[in-house]
Amino acid sequence: MARQKHKPQRMCVACRQSQDKKSLVRIVRTNEGVFVDEIGKRAGRGAYLHADPSCWEIGLKKSLERALKTSFTEQDLERLLQYQNNLSGLTMTETDQELASQE
């Protein structure tokens, strides 16, 4: 009987559900700011979100900042909102517009 290979599990900071690491989007805080880590190897403090717009909305409100132990700059928020919009293929939602106007 072949042994199954271990798949690392990570938790989405928005919905708190665990899933395979590869199926989640890693966000990383570095000295230069907060970025989406497409490869998953970038140095810095990381947090994970599902590629689901509802998880991104919850994450961008506060849970992502708390997980990364930082406050988003205007550029950080702009990068993350752009990535979120690319995921959903939609224009900015009301929540996104509120977040952008708070900065």
C-alpha atoms as a PDB file:
ATOM      1  CA  MET A   1       0.000   0.000   0.000  1.00  0.00           C
ATOM      2  CA  ALA A   2       1.478   3.345  -1.088  1.00  0.00           C
ATOM      3  CA  ARG A   3       1.656   6.066   1.480  1.00  0.00           C
ATOM      4  CA  GLN A   4      -0.114   9.335   0.617  1.00  0.00           C
ATOM      5  CA  LYS A   5       2.084  12.385   0.374  1.00  0.00           C
ATOM      6  CA  HIS A   6       1.423  15.018   3.056  1.00  0.00           C
ATOM      7  CA  LYS A   7      -0.233  18.192   1.741  1.00  0.00           C
ATOM      8  CA  PRO A   8       0.387  21.300   3.855  1.00  0.00           C
ATOM      9  CA  GLN A   9      -2.817  22.865   5.208  1.00  0.00           C
ATOM     10  CA  ARG A  10      -3.379  26.579   5.768  1.00  0.00           C
ATOM     11  CA  MET A  11      -6.312  28.549   7.164  1.00  0.00           C
ATOM     12  CA  CYS A  12      -8.120  31.372   5.390  1.00  0.00           C
ATOM     13  CA  VAL A  13      -7.965  34.392   7.731  1.00  0.00           C
ATOM     14  CA  ALA A  14     -11.446  35.505   6.627  1.00  0.00           C
ATOM     15  CA  CYS A  15     -13.641  32.381   6.861  1.00  0.00           C
ATOM     16  CA  ARG A  16     -11.295  30.340   9.111  1.00  0.00           C
ATOM     17  CA  GLN A  17     -11.557  27.188   6.947  1.00  0.00           C
ATOM     18  CA  SER A  18      -8.452  25.057   6.395  1.00  0.00           C
ATOM     19  CA  GLN A  19      -7.535  23.886   2.928  1.00  0.00           C
ATOM     20  CA  ASP A  20      -4.503  22.779   0.928  1.00  0.00           C
ATOM     21  CA  LYS A  21      -1.880  25.510   0.841  1.00  0.00           C
ATOM     22  CA  LYS A  22      -1.812  25.516  -2.968  1.00  0.00           C
ATOM     23  CA  SER A  23      -5.552  26.280  -3.217  1.00  0.00           C
ATOM     24  CA  LEU A  24      -5.272  29.517  -1.201  1.00  0.00           C
ATOM     25  CA  VAL A  25      -3.810  32.917  -2.122  1.00  0.00           C
ATOM     26  CA  ARG A  26      -0.861  33.999   0.041  1.00  0.00           C
ATOM     27  CA  ILE A  27      -0.548  37.632   1.064  1.00  0.00           C
ATOM     28  CA  VAL A  28       2.843  38.653   2.428  1.00  0.00           C
ATOM     29  CA  ARG A  29       4.059  41.646   4.432  1.00  0.00           C
ATOM     30  CA  THR A  30       7.604  42.734   3.621  1.00  0.00           C
ATOM     31  CA  ASN A  31       9.671  45.828   4.405  1.00  0.00           C
ATOM     32  CA  GLU A  32       8.484  47.272   1.071  1.00  0.00           C
ATOM     33  CA  GLY A  33       4.766  46.754   1.793  1.00  0.00           C
ATOM     34  CA  VAL A  34       2.021  44.150   1.445  1.00  0.00           C
ATOM     35  CA  PHE A  35       1.891  42.050  -1.732  1.00  0.00           C
ATOM     36  CA  VAL A  36       0.094  39.049  -3.193  1.00  0.00           C
ATOM     37  CA  ASP A  37       2.630  36.212  -3.260  1.00  0.00           C
ATOM     38  CA  GLU A  38       1.774  34.257  -6.415  1.00  0.00           C
ATOM     39  CA  ILE A  39       4.571  31.711  -5.931  1.00  0.00           C
ATOM     40  CA  GLY A  40       4.256  31.325  -2.160  1.00  0.00           C
ATOM     41  CA  LYS A  41       7.990  31.622  -1.494  1.00  0.00           C
ATOM     42  CA  ARG A  42       8.446  35.335  -0.860  1.00  0.00           C
ATOM     43  CA  ALA A  43      10.154  36.201   2.432  1.00  0.00           C
ATOM     44  CA  GLY A  44       8.016  37.949   5.028  1.00  0.00           C
ATOM     45  CA  ARG A  45       5.008  37.402   7.266  1.00  0.00           C
ATOM     46  CA  GLY A  46       2.263  35.622   5.343  1.00  0.00           C
ATOM     47  CA  ALA A  47      -1.475  35.092   5.591  1.00  0.00           C
ATOM     48  CA  TYR A  48      -3.874  33.176   3.359  1.00  0.00           C
ATOM     49  CA  LEU A  49      -7.237  33.916   1.724  1.00  0.00           C
ATOM     50  CA  HIS A  50      -9.492  31.865  -0.537  1.00  0.00           C
ATOM     51  CA  ALA A  51      -9.751  33.118  -4.103  1.00  0.00           C
ATOM     52  CA  ASP A  52     -13.366  33.995  -3.299  1.00  0.00           C
ATOM     53  CA  PRO A  53     -14.558  37.634  -3.384  1.00  0.00           C
ATOM     54  CA  SER A  54     -16.496  37.240  -0.122  1.00  0.00           C
ATOM     55  CA  CYS A  55     -13.343  36.087   1.716  1.00  0.00           C
ATOM     56  CA  TRP A  56     -11.426  39.015   0.233  1.00  0.00           C
ATOM     57  CA  GLU A  57     -14.066  41.513   1.392  1.00  0.00           C
ATOM     58  CA  ILE A  58     -13.935  40.151   4.945  1.00  0.00           C
ATOM     59  CA  GLY A  59     -10.142  39.924   4.867  1.00  0.00           C
ATOM     60  CA  LEU A  60      -9.642  43.472   3.636  1.00  0.00           C
ATOM     61  CA  LYS A  61     -11.921  44.903   6.335  1.00  0.00           C
ATOM     62  CA  LYS A  62      -9.651  43.911   9.235  1.00  0.00           C
ATOM     63  CA  SER A  63      -8.720  40.225   9.587  1.00  0.00           C
ATOM     64  CA  LEU A  64      -5.908  40.446   7.029  1.00  0.00           C
ATOM     65  CA  GLU A  65      -4.314  43.467   8.701  1.00  0.00           C
ATOM     66  CA  ARG A  66      -4.513  41.701  12.058  1.00  0.00           C
ATOM     67  CA  ALA A  67      -2.995  38.484  10.671  1.00  0.00           C
ATOM     68  CA  LEU A  68      -0.130  40.388   9.045  1.00  0.00           C
ATOM     69  CA  LYS A  69       0.316  42.587  12.151  1.00  0.00           C
ATOM     70  CA  THR A  70       0.321  45.786  10.105  1.00  0.00           C
ATOM     71  CA  SER A  71      -1.843  48.617   8.828  1.00  0.00           C
ATOM     72  CA  PHE A  72      -2.333  48.899   5.087  1.00  0.00           C
ATOM     73  CA  THR A  73      -0.937  51.917   3.283  1.00  0.00           C
ATOM     74  CA  GLU A  74      -2.872  53.383   0.378  1.00  0.00           C
ATOM     75  CA  GLN A  75      -0.568  51.558  -2.085  1.00  0.00           C
ATOM     76  CA  ASP A  76      -0.999  48.231  -0.248  1.00  0.00           C
ATOM     77  CA  LEU A  77      -4.769  48.538  -0.331  1.00  0.00           C
ATOM     78  CA  GLU A  78      -4.713  49.542  -3.994  1.00  0.00           C
ATOM     79  CA  ARG A  79      -2.613  46.457  -4.923  1.00  0.00           C
ATOM     80  CA  LEU A  80      -4.872  44.106  -2.958  1.00  0.00           C
ATOM     81  CA  LEU A  81      -8.089  45.602  -4.353  1.00  0.00           C
ATOM     82  CA  GLN A  82      -6.703  45.310  -7.883  1.00  0.00           C
ATOM     83  CA  TYR A  83      -5.919  41.632  -7.306  1.00  0.00           C
ATOM     84  CA  GLN A  84      -9.379  41.069  -5.800  1.00  0.00           C
ATOM     85  CA  ASN A  85     -11.029  42.686  -8.823  1.00  0.00           C
ATOM     86  CA  ASN A  86      -8.964  40.494 -11.154  1.00  0.00           C
ATOM     87  CA  LEU A  87     -10.189  37.412  -9.260  1.00  0.00           C
ATOM     88  CA  SER A  88     -13.835  38.300  -9.542  1.00  0.00           C
ATOM     89  CA  GLY A  89     -13.679  40.002 -12.926  1.00  0.00           C
ATOM     90  CA  LEU A  90     -15.965  42.722 -11.547  1.00  0.00           C
ATOM     91  CA  THR A  91     -15.605  46.422 -10.983  1.00  0.00           C
ATOM     92  CA  MET A  92     -15.128  47.823  -7.503  1.00  0.00           C
ATOM     93  CA  THR A  93     -17.893  46.906  -5.076  1.00  0.00           C
ATOM     94  CA  GLU A  94     -19.344  49.357  -2.585  1.00  0.00           C
ATOM     95  CA  THR A  95     -17.206  47.819   0.169  1.00  0.00           C
ATOM     96  CA  ASP A  96     -14.065  48.284  -1.935  1.00  0.00           C
ATOM     97  CA  GLN A  97     -14.978  51.912  -2.585  1.00  0.00           C
ATOM     98  CA  GLU A  98     -15.558  52.511   1.148  1.00  0.00           C
ATOM     99  CA  LEU A  99     -12.193  50.958   2.015  1.00  0.00           C
ATOM    100  CA  ALA A 100     -10.400  53.036  -0.623  1.00  0.00           C
ATOM    101  CA  SER A 101     -12.071  56.253   0.558  1.00  0.00           C
ATOM    102  CA  GLN A 102     -11.067  55.616   4.203  1.00  0.00           C
ATOM    103  CA  GLU A 103      -7.364  55.966   3.390  1.00  0.00           C
END
